[in-house]
Amino acid sequence: MSSILIIPKRIIAADKKGSILKNYSVEIKDDRIARIEKVSAVKLRLFKGEIVHGEDLTLIPGFVQTHVHLCQTLFRGMADDLELLDWLQLKIFPYENAHDKKSLAASVKLGINELTLSGTTTILDMGTLRHQEVIFDELISSGIRAFAGKCMIDINDLFPKFKSTAKAEVNESRLLAKAFHNEGNGRIKYGFAPRFALSSSAKLMRETKELMKDFPSSIFHTHSSENTDEIKTVKKKFKKNNIEYFNSLGVLDDHSVLAHCIHVNKNEVNLLKNKRVRVAHCPSSNLKLGSGIAPIPFYLKKGISVSLGADGAPCNNKLNMFNEMRLASLIQKPKHGATAINAETVFRLATIEGAKALNLENEIGSIEIGKKADLVLINLDNSIHPLVEDDQSMYSRLVYSGNENDVQHVMIDGKWVVKNAKSQIFDQQEILLDANQQLKNLLKRV
């Protein structure tokens, strides 16, 4: 049994009490947190294992992102300044359609490297139409914790080359789930991912939800209510708004994660609450695509599950959680007032609420005895801050002042994936060189 003792300056636990602990150590045994106790000189002398001296660092839970597209990382900066449907039709669908196994692997490596270096330890990823096994192989070997699944498309009026059939999509998803659900010591789980209402038929949606019964703890992951033109088309086609349509198909429950949910009516808000649906809020993406600002303060007041995600690199263009936390708070203030969504609330959306969205709150999302050791050591003391420290100033440093460069060490499942701000999994120069070559090759196929 391997043992690691971490001695930070402080612990921001994200537990139910919102604990911030000073002069405490955290002991890891194998992949779990075994002890959290006062630092003891005697214990240090007797400890047999790795001791990490982080007396100038803050220990936080790893960030949980509930909506990302690793397959799109290669396309960063290549689909700027477009609205959603044009973005899909003119850029993203043609690019994803041109992926082969090598370009997809390069894209996924780039994304995971960026995510882990900036403190994200768990993701819900929506894959692409083909070669999903490549994404799973990279997820497993990288050490990250993830829900993932092939993107399921059987209708595509925007780009007809990029689709399959409902039967083929369900059959392939079943085989992938059999092969990869609960792989990687349980780190990897399946997230069934019909793309959105306009690209996945009612038959595909229903059969996907039925298929989930064979894979306990799997997730239903799709986009919803992101763009006004999208919603107009959905309403014209189905005589219902987006979430109302999903409800009519029977796909909404506490294992459903809907990305965005910007434009919703009162009935849909009630459906989100009563069906215990999880909303994945992606503030950067929503702003960059001009989609709008989701009514997050209202969702939180109603008790609706909200968590955060960066979405994909072509609509962000960063994948780090610091960007999303800061924006998640700031964009609400002009409309709802300066007190709307404070820093502590946002930090919890990025950690324990993300874990709850994935039904993993008993495993990850906070620093508590018995939970998985998904941890981040971060430097919050590298610039001038109030001399008197209180809990609020700690959250302020994280949410309003923090950035990816502050992350020093990252642990997932009790193993270091980042040490001294350097990936222990990827060679940065190597994956960048490969990505550039694979992008050149891909563009020839578009």
Protein backbone atom coordinates (compact mmCIF):
# COMPACT_ATOMS: atom_id res chain seq x y z
CA MET A 1 0.00 0.00 0.00
CA SER A 2 1.48 3.35 -1.09
CA SER A 3 1.21 6.32 1.28
CA ILE A 4 1.56 10.03 0.59
CA LEU A 5 1.42 12.81 3.18
CA ILE A 6 0.56 16.30 1.92
CA ILE A 7 1.30 19.28 4.17
CA PRO A 8 -0.30 22.42 2.70
CA LYS A 9 -0.59 25.94 4.07
CA ARG A 10 -4.36 25.56 4.06
CA ILE A 11 -7.09 23.21 2.84
CA ILE A 12 -10.21 24.53 1.10
CA ALA A 13 -12.33 21.42 1.47
CA ALA A 14 -15.61 22.17 -0.38
CA ASP A 15 -17.35 19.95 2.20
CA LYS A 16 -20.83 20.61 3.60
CA LYS A 17 -19.41 22.98 6.24
CA GLY A 18 -17.31 24.88 3.72
CA SER A 19 -14.25 24.11 5.86
CA ILE A 20 -10.99 25.99 5.43
CA LEU A 21 -8.32 24.28 7.54
CA LYS A 22 -4.86 25.55 8.49
CA ASN A 23 -1.97 23.48 9.87
CA TYR A 24 -3.59 20.23 8.77
CA SER A 25 -2.09 17.38 6.77
CA VAL A 26 -3.82 14.99 4.39
CA GLU A 27 -2.70 11.37 4.19
CA ILE A 28 -3.34 9.38 1.03
CA LYS A 29 -3.34 5.59 1.02
CA ASP A 30 -3.43 4.15 -2.47
CA ASP A 31 -6.24 6.08 -4.21
CA ARG A 32 -8.14 7.49 -1.20
CA ILE A 33 -7.91 10.09 1.52
CA ALA A 34 -7.16 8.14 4.70
CA ARG A 35 -6.61 10.92 7.28
CA ILE A 36 -7.02 14.65 7.70
CA GLU A 37 -5.42 15.79 10.93
CA LYS A 38 -3.31 18.43 12.62
CA VAL A 39 0.31 18.50 11.48
CA SER A 40 2.45 16.65 14.01
CA ALA A 41 6.27 16.72 14.15
CA VAL A 42 6.23 13.24 15.69
CA LYS A 43 4.04 11.88 12.89
CA LEU A 44 6.33 13.41 10.28
CA ARG A 45 9.36 11.64 11.74
CA LEU A 46 7.55 8.31 11.85
CA PHE A 47 5.81 8.56 8.46
CA LYS A 48 6.91 5.99 5.92
CA GLY A 49 6.06 7.17 2.45
CA GLU A 50 6.23 10.26 0.26
CA ILE A 51 5.97 13.60 2.08
CA VAL A 52 4.92 16.60 -0.01
CA HIS A 53 5.86 19.88 1.62
CA GLY A 54 3.38 22.43 0.34
CA GLU A 55 3.56 24.88 3.22
CA ASP A 56 3.26 27.76 0.75
CA LEU A 57 0.44 26.13 -1.23
CA THR A 58 -3.32 25.65 -0.86
CA LEU A 59 -4.91 22.22 -1.25
CA ILE A 60 -8.24 22.10 -3.09
CA PRO A 61 -10.37 19.35 -4.64
CA GLY A 62 -9.75 18.75 -8.33
CA PHE A 63 -12.07 20.67 -10.63
CA VAL A 64 -14.96 18.81 -12.28
CA GLN A 65 -15.97 19.94 -15.78
CA THR A 66 -19.34 18.63 -16.90
CA HIS A 67 -19.21 19.58 -20.59
CA VAL A 68 -16.16 19.40 -22.85
CA HIS A 69 -15.32 18.29 -26.41
CA LEU A 70 -11.80 16.85 -26.50
CA CYS A 71 -12.21 16.02 -30.18
CA GLN A 72 -12.31 19.76 -30.96
CA THR A 73 -9.09 20.88 -29.23
CA LEU A 74 -7.23 20.69 -32.52
CA PHE A 75 -9.57 23.35 -33.96
CA ARG A 76 -8.81 26.11 -31.47
CA GLY A 77 -8.94 29.51 -33.18
CA MET A 78 -10.39 28.04 -36.38
CA ALA A 79 -14.10 28.78 -35.82
CA ASP A 80 -14.15 32.24 -34.29
CA ASP A 81 -16.87 34.89 -34.47
CA LEU A 82 -19.75 32.73 -35.65
CA GLU A 83 -23.17 31.92 -34.19
CA LEU A 84 -23.94 28.34 -33.21
CA LEU A 85 -25.61 26.90 -36.32
CA ASP A 86 -23.15 28.58 -38.71
CA TRP A 87 -20.29 27.50 -36.41
CA LEU A 88 -21.45 23.89 -36.72
CA GLN A 89 -22.28 23.95 -40.43
CA LEU A 90 -19.29 25.88 -41.75
CA LYS A 91 -16.54 24.73 -39.41
CA ILE A 92 -17.08 22.15 -36.68
CA PHE A 93 -19.01 19.44 -38.51
CA PRO A 94 -16.63 19.51 -41.52
CA TYR A 95 -13.59 19.41 -39.20
CA GLU A 96 -14.93 16.59 -37.03
CA ASN A 97 -15.93 14.69 -40.16
CA ALA A 98 -12.30 14.86 -41.34
CA HIS A 99 -10.84 13.28 -38.19
CA ASP A 100 -8.94 10.05 -38.51
CA LYS A 101 -7.56 8.07 -35.59
CA LYS A 102 -4.25 9.93 -35.51
CA SER A 103 -5.73 13.43 -35.59
CA LEU A 104 -8.31 12.50 -32.99
CA ALA A 105 -5.66 11.12 -30.64
CA ALA A 106 -3.61 14.31 -31.07
CA SER A 107 -6.64 16.47 -30.26
CA VAL A 108 -7.51 14.47 -27.15
CA LYS A 109 -3.96 14.55 -25.80
CA LEU A 110 -3.80 18.32 -26.24
CA GLY A 111 -7.08 18.73 -24.38
CA ILE A 112 -6.29 16.43 -21.48
CA ASN A 113 -2.87 18.01 -21.05
CA GLU A 114 -4.40 21.48 -20.82
CA LEU A 115 -7.15 20.35 -18.47
CA THR A 116 -4.89 18.56 -16.01
CA LEU A 117 -2.23 21.28 -15.98
CA SER A 118 -4.96 23.74 -14.94
CA GLY A 119 -6.36 21.54 -12.17
CA THR A 120 -9.27 19.70 -13.79
CA THR A 121 -9.35 16.08 -12.65
CA THR A 122 -12.78 14.91 -13.89
CA ILE A 123 -14.62 15.61 -17.14
CA LEU A 124 -17.82 14.75 -18.96
CA ASP A 125 -16.71 14.59 -22.59
CA MET A 126 -18.83 14.44 -25.70
CA GLY A 127 -16.91 12.56 -28.37
CA THR A 128 -17.33 12.62 -32.12
CA LEU A 129 -19.07 10.39 -34.64
CA ARG A 130 -16.21 8.00 -35.43
CA HIS A 131 -13.19 6.42 -33.72
CA GLN A 132 -14.53 6.85 -30.16
CA GLU A 133 -12.29 4.00 -28.99
CA VAL A 134 -9.31 6.31 -29.59
CA ILE A 135 -10.71 8.81 -27.09
CA PHE A 136 -11.22 6.07 -24.49
CA ASP A 137 -7.69 4.76 -24.96
CA GLU A 138 -6.26 8.23 -24.38
CA LEU A 139 -8.49 8.86 -21.36
CA ILE A 140 -7.41 5.60 -19.75
CA SER A 141 -3.69 6.12 -20.34
CA SER A 142 -3.76 9.77 -19.21
CA GLY A 143 -5.00 9.02 -15.69
CA ILE A 144 -7.87 11.53 -15.84
CA ARG A 145 -11.32 10.66 -14.46
CA ALA A 146 -13.99 10.87 -17.13
CA PHE A 147 -17.43 10.12 -18.43
CA ALA A 148 -17.28 9.89 -22.23
CA GLY A 149 -19.17 8.53 -25.19
CA LYS A 150 -19.41 8.74 -28.96
CA CYS A 151 -21.41 11.63 -30.34
CA MET A 152 -24.62 10.15 -31.75
CA ILE A 153 -25.96 11.73 -34.96
CA ASP A 154 -28.55 10.22 -37.30
CA ILE A 155 -29.93 13.47 -38.76
CA ASN A 156 -27.77 16.26 -40.13
CA ASP A 157 -29.38 18.88 -42.36
CA LEU A 158 -26.47 21.22 -41.65
CA PHE A 159 -23.77 18.85 -42.97
CA PRO A 160 -25.27 15.62 -44.38
CA LYS A 161 -21.91 13.82 -44.74
CA PHE A 162 -21.58 13.76 -40.97
CA LYS A 163 -24.19 11.28 -39.74
CA SER A 164 -25.07 7.62 -39.37
CA THR A 165 -28.32 5.74 -38.66
CA ALA A 166 -30.16 5.37 -35.37
CA LYS A 167 -29.64 1.60 -35.45
CA ALA A 168 -25.92 1.88 -36.09
CA GLU A 169 -25.46 4.60 -33.47
CA VAL A 170 -27.21 2.62 -30.74
CA ASN A 171 -25.41 -0.62 -31.63
CA GLU A 172 -22.00 1.02 -31.70
CA SER A 173 -22.66 2.83 -28.43
CA ARG A 174 -23.67 -0.45 -26.80
CA LEU A 175 -20.42 -2.11 -27.88
CA LEU A 176 -18.34 0.86 -26.71
CA ALA A 177 -20.10 0.94 -23.34
CA LYS A 178 -19.50 -2.80 -22.89
CA ALA A 179 -15.83 -2.30 -23.65
CA PHE A 180 -15.11 0.85 -21.64
CA HIS A 181 -17.71 1.49 -18.91
CA ASN A 182 -15.93 1.30 -15.52
CA GLU A 183 -12.50 0.79 -17.08
CA GLY A 184 -9.31 2.32 -15.64
CA ASN A 185 -9.94 1.19 -12.05
CA GLY A 186 -13.44 2.66 -12.36
CA ARG A 187 -12.16 6.08 -13.47
CA ILE A 188 -13.83 5.81 -16.88
CA LYS A 189 -17.59 5.62 -17.25
CA TYR A 190 -19.87 5.86 -20.24
CA GLY A 191 -21.71 9.03 -21.13
CA PHE A 192 -24.28 8.39 -23.87
CA ALA A 193 -24.22 11.47 -26.06
CA PRO A 194 -26.92 12.24 -28.66
CA ARG A 195 -25.65 15.54 -30.11
CA PHE A 196 -28.79 17.68 -29.82
CA ALA A 197 -32.45 17.70 -30.76
CA LEU A 198 -31.83 18.69 -34.39
CA SER A 199 -29.27 15.96 -35.08
CA SER A 200 -30.60 13.01 -33.06
CA SER A 201 -33.98 11.50 -33.87
CA ALA A 202 -36.68 10.71 -31.32
CA LYS A 203 -36.01 7.02 -31.96
CA LEU A 204 -32.31 7.48 -31.25
CA MET A 205 -32.97 9.46 -28.07
CA ARG A 206 -35.46 6.94 -26.68
CA GLU A 207 -33.38 3.88 -27.49
CA THR A 208 -30.31 5.52 -25.98
CA LYS A 209 -32.14 6.14 -22.72
CA GLU A 210 -33.37 2.55 -22.69
CA LEU A 211 -29.82 1.30 -23.34
CA MET A 212 -28.57 3.07 -20.23
CA LYS A 213 -30.41 0.53 -18.05
CA ASP A 214 -27.71 -2.00 -18.94
CA PHE A 215 -24.98 0.35 -17.69
CA PRO A 216 -25.70 1.56 -14.14
CA SER A 217 -24.10 4.91 -13.28
CA SER A 218 -23.91 5.96 -16.95
CA ILE A 219 -24.95 9.48 -18.01
CA PHE A 220 -27.24 10.89 -20.71
CA HIS A 221 -25.42 13.92 -22.12
CA THR A 222 -26.71 16.34 -24.76
CA HIS A 223 -27.01 20.02 -25.69
CA SER A 224 -30.16 21.98 -25.03
CA SER A 225 -31.67 25.45 -25.42
CA GLU A 226 -28.39 27.07 -26.43
CA ASN A 227 -29.32 29.38 -29.32
CA THR A 228 -32.52 31.21 -30.28
CA ASP A 229 -32.40 30.01 -33.91
CA GLU A 230 -31.93 26.44 -32.66
CA ILE A 231 -34.96 26.78 -30.40
CA LYS A 232 -37.12 28.26 -33.19
CA THR A 233 -36.25 25.29 -35.39
CA VAL A 234 -36.96 22.81 -32.59
CA LYS A 235 -40.31 24.43 -31.90
CA LYS A 236 -41.25 24.48 -35.59
CA LYS A 237 -40.29 20.82 -35.98
CA PHE A 238 -41.64 19.37 -32.73
CA LYS A 239 -44.26 21.94 -31.58
CA LYS A 240 -42.44 22.13 -28.25
CA ASN A 241 -39.50 23.92 -26.73
CA ASN A 242 -36.26 21.97 -26.34
CA ILE A 243 -36.56 20.68 -22.77
CA GLU A 244 -40.30 20.06 -23.18
CA TYR A 245 -39.47 17.93 -26.21
CA PHE A 246 -36.86 15.94 -24.27
CA ASN A 247 -39.42 15.37 -21.54
CA SER A 248 -41.94 14.03 -24.07
CA LEU A 249 -39.31 11.45 -25.06
CA GLY A 250 -38.79 10.33 -21.46
CA VAL A 251 -35.07 11.09 -21.36
CA LEU A 252 -35.00 13.49 -18.40
CA ASP A 253 -33.96 12.35 -14.92
CA ASP A 254 -31.11 12.68 -12.43
CA HIS A 255 -28.70 10.97 -14.85
CA SER A 256 -29.33 13.57 -17.58
CA VAL A 257 -26.82 16.39 -18.11
CA LEU A 258 -27.98 19.17 -20.43
CA ALA A 259 -25.34 21.60 -21.62
CA HIS A 260 -26.26 25.31 -21.72
CA CYS A 261 -30.03 25.69 -20.98
CA ILE A 262 -29.90 29.41 -21.76
CA HIS A 263 -33.34 30.06 -23.27
CA VAL A 264 -36.05 28.29 -21.26
CA ASN A 265 -39.66 28.93 -20.31
CA LYS A 266 -41.29 28.53 -16.89
CA ASN A 267 -42.53 25.03 -17.64
CA GLU A 268 -39.03 23.97 -18.61
CA VAL A 269 -37.58 25.38 -15.39
CA ASN A 270 -40.08 23.28 -13.48
CA LEU A 271 -39.12 20.22 -15.53
CA LEU A 272 -35.43 20.77 -14.73
CA LYS A 273 -36.26 20.95 -11.04
CA ASN A 274 -38.84 18.16 -10.82
CA LYS A 275 -36.89 15.72 -12.99
CA ARG A 276 -33.65 16.59 -11.13
CA VAL A 277 -31.87 17.31 -14.42
CA ARG A 278 -28.28 18.56 -14.26
CA VAL A 279 -27.42 21.82 -16.07
CA ALA A 280 -23.86 22.21 -17.38
CA HIS A 281 -23.18 25.95 -17.53
CA CYS A 282 -20.54 27.05 -20.08
CA PRO A 283 -20.25 30.84 -19.72
CA SER A 284 -17.28 31.43 -22.06
CA SER A 285 -18.81 29.42 -24.88
CA ASN A 286 -22.20 31.08 -24.43
CA LEU A 287 -20.64 34.53 -24.70
CA LYS A 288 -18.29 33.75 -27.59
CA LEU A 289 -21.02 32.20 -29.76
CA GLY A 290 -23.36 35.07 -28.86
CA SER A 291 -25.85 32.55 -27.51
CA GLY A 292 -26.83 34.43 -24.35
CA ILE A 293 -26.51 34.19 -20.59
CA ALA A 294 -28.16 31.30 -18.76
CA PRO A 295 -30.39 32.27 -15.77
CA ILE A 296 -28.07 30.59 -13.27
CA PRO A 297 -29.07 32.60 -10.15
CA PHE A 298 -32.68 31.58 -10.80
CA TYR A 299 -31.69 27.93 -11.24
CA LEU A 300 -29.75 27.96 -7.99
CA LYS A 301 -32.63 29.58 -6.12
CA LYS A 302 -34.92 26.85 -7.44
CA GLY A 303 -32.52 24.13 -6.28
CA ILE A 304 -31.63 23.01 -9.81
CA SER A 305 -28.25 21.29 -10.18
CA VAL A 306 -25.69 23.58 -11.87
CA SER A 307 -22.07 22.78 -12.66
CA LEU A 308 -19.44 24.22 -15.00
CA GLY A 309 -17.69 23.27 -18.23
CA ALA A 310 -15.40 24.94 -20.73
CA ASP A 311 -17.12 23.32 -23.74
CA GLY A 312 -14.72 22.99 -26.70
CA ALA A 313 -11.58 24.90 -27.60
CA PRO A 314 -13.09 26.41 -30.80
CA CYS A 315 -15.82 28.21 -28.81
CA ASN A 316 -13.86 29.28 -25.74
CA ASN A 317 -10.79 29.19 -26.56
CA LYS A 318 -9.40 27.96 -23.24
CA LEU A 319 -10.20 24.80 -21.31
CA ASN A 320 -9.24 25.90 -17.80
CA MET A 321 -11.77 26.17 -14.99
CA PHE A 322 -10.45 29.49 -13.68
CA ASN A 323 -11.80 31.16 -16.79
CA GLU A 324 -15.24 29.62 -16.27
CA MET A 325 -15.41 30.37 -12.54
CA ARG A 326 -14.58 34.04 -12.98
CA LEU A 327 -17.04 34.53 -15.84
CA ALA A 328 -19.79 32.49 -14.16
CA SER A 329 -19.87 35.06 -11.39
CA LEU A 330 -19.19 38.26 -13.34
CA ILE A 331 -21.68 37.89 -16.19
CA GLN A 332 -24.63 37.65 -13.79
CA LYS A 333 -23.87 40.82 -11.85
CA PRO A 334 -25.02 43.48 -14.38
CA LYS A 335 -28.49 41.90 -14.48
CA HIS A 336 -28.89 40.41 -10.99
CA GLY A 337 -26.74 42.75 -8.89
CA ALA A 338 -23.23 42.69 -7.47
CA THR A 339 -24.17 40.13 -4.81
CA ALA A 340 -25.31 37.53 -7.36
CA ILE A 341 -23.30 34.28 -7.29
CA ASN A 342 -20.42 34.96 -4.91
CA ALA A 343 -16.97 33.41 -5.18
CA GLU A 344 -17.64 30.57 -2.74
CA THR A 345 -20.76 29.52 -4.64
CA VAL A 346 -18.85 29.46 -7.92
CA PHE A 347 -16.00 27.44 -6.42
CA ARG A 348 -18.53 24.87 -5.24
CA LEU A 349 -20.06 24.72 -8.73
CA ALA A 350 -16.58 23.87 -10.01
CA THR A 351 -15.99 21.10 -7.47
CA ILE A 352 -18.62 19.38 -5.32
CA GLU A 353 -21.59 20.46 -7.47
CA GLY A 354 -19.83 19.04 -10.52
CA ALA A 355 -19.39 15.79 -8.65
CA LYS A 356 -23.08 15.80 -7.71
CA ALA A 357 -24.05 16.41 -11.35
CA LEU A 358 -22.28 13.17 -12.24
CA ASN A 359 -23.63 11.33 -9.18
CA LEU A 360 -20.07 11.05 -7.86
CA GLU A 361 -20.43 13.22 -4.75
CA ASN A 362 -19.61 10.28 -2.49
CA GLU A 363 -16.35 9.71 -4.36
CA ILE A 364 -14.96 13.10 -5.41
CA GLY A 365 -15.56 16.86 -5.33
CA SER A 366 -14.46 17.63 -1.77
CA ILE A 367 -11.59 16.84 0.56
CA GLU A 368 -13.01 14.35 3.04
CA ILE A 369 -11.84 11.09 4.57
CA GLY A 370 -12.75 8.11 2.42
CA LYS A 371 -13.05 10.03 -0.82
CA LYS A 372 -10.87 9.51 -3.87
CA ALA A 373 -7.60 11.42 -3.83
CA ASP A 374 -8.31 13.86 -6.69
CA LEU A 375 -6.43 16.89 -5.38
CA VAL A 376 -4.76 20.10 -6.54
CA LEU A 377 -2.02 22.13 -4.85
CA ILE A 378 -2.19 25.75 -5.94
CA ASN A 379 -0.25 28.92 -5.15
CA LEU A 380 -2.73 31.53 -3.91
CA ASP A 381 -0.06 33.69 -2.28
CA ASN A 382 1.91 34.90 -5.29
CA SER A 383 0.52 38.44 -5.36
CA ILE A 384 -0.63 41.15 -2.96
CA HIS A 385 -3.82 40.27 -1.08
CA PRO A 386 -5.53 41.55 2.10
CA LEU A 387 -3.24 41.11 5.06
CA VAL A 388 -6.10 39.78 7.19
CA GLU A 389 -7.11 36.42 5.80
CA ASP A 390 -10.69 35.27 6.09
CA ASP A 391 -12.64 32.57 4.31
CA GLN A 392 -14.09 34.96 1.74
CA SER A 393 -10.67 36.25 0.72
CA MET A 394 -9.57 32.68 -0.01
CA TYR A 395 -12.49 32.11 -2.38
CA SER A 396 -11.86 35.52 -3.93
CA ARG A 397 -8.26 34.57 -4.67
CA LEU A 398 -9.37 31.35 -6.33
CA VAL A 399 -12.25 32.69 -8.40
CA TYR A 400 -11.39 36.30 -9.21
CA SER A 401 -7.58 36.28 -9.13
CA GLY A 402 -6.57 32.67 -9.75
CA ASN A 403 -5.35 31.31 -13.06
CA GLU A 404 -3.95 28.14 -14.54
CA ASN A 405 -0.36 29.24 -13.90
CA ASP A 406 -0.98 29.02 -10.14
CA VAL A 407 -1.45 25.23 -10.31
CA GLN A 408 1.63 23.39 -9.05
CA HIS A 409 0.67 19.74 -8.41
CA VAL A 410 -2.32 17.64 -9.49
CA MET A 411 -3.26 14.19 -8.22
CA ILE A 412 -5.93 11.88 -9.64
CA ASP A 413 -6.85 8.57 -8.01
CA GLY A 414 -3.86 8.92 -5.67
CA LYS A 415 -1.34 9.35 -8.52
CA TRP A 416 0.49 12.50 -9.52
CA VAL A 417 -0.36 13.62 -13.05
CA VAL A 418 1.24 17.06 -12.61
CA LYS A 419 4.30 17.83 -10.47
CA ASN A 420 5.91 21.26 -10.22
CA ALA A 421 3.56 22.56 -12.92
CA LYS A 422 4.80 19.92 -15.38
CA SER A 423 2.79 17.04 -16.77
CA GLN A 424 3.91 13.59 -15.65
CA ILE A 425 1.97 12.05 -18.54
CA PHE A 426 2.70 14.12 -21.65
CA ASP A 427 5.77 15.61 -23.28
CA GLN A 428 4.52 19.11 -24.15
CA GLN A 429 6.77 19.63 -27.15
CA GLU A 430 6.05 16.19 -28.53
CA ILE A 431 2.27 16.49 -28.43
CA LEU A 432 2.36 20.01 -29.91
CA LEU A 433 4.54 18.90 -32.81
CA ASP A 434 2.29 15.93 -33.47
CA ALA A 435 -0.86 18.07 -33.22
CA ASN A 436 0.46 20.57 -35.77
CA GLN A 437 1.26 17.78 -38.20
CA GLN A 438 -2.09 16.06 -37.69
CA LEU A 439 -3.94 19.35 -38.21
CA LYS A 440 -2.15 19.90 -41.53
CA ASN A 441 -3.14 16.39 -42.58
CA LEU A 442 -6.73 16.86 -41.44
CA LEU A 443 -7.20 20.10 -43.35
CA LYS A 444 -6.26 18.29 -46.55
CA ARG A 445 -9.17 15.92 -45.89
CA VAL A 446 -11.80 18.61 -45.25
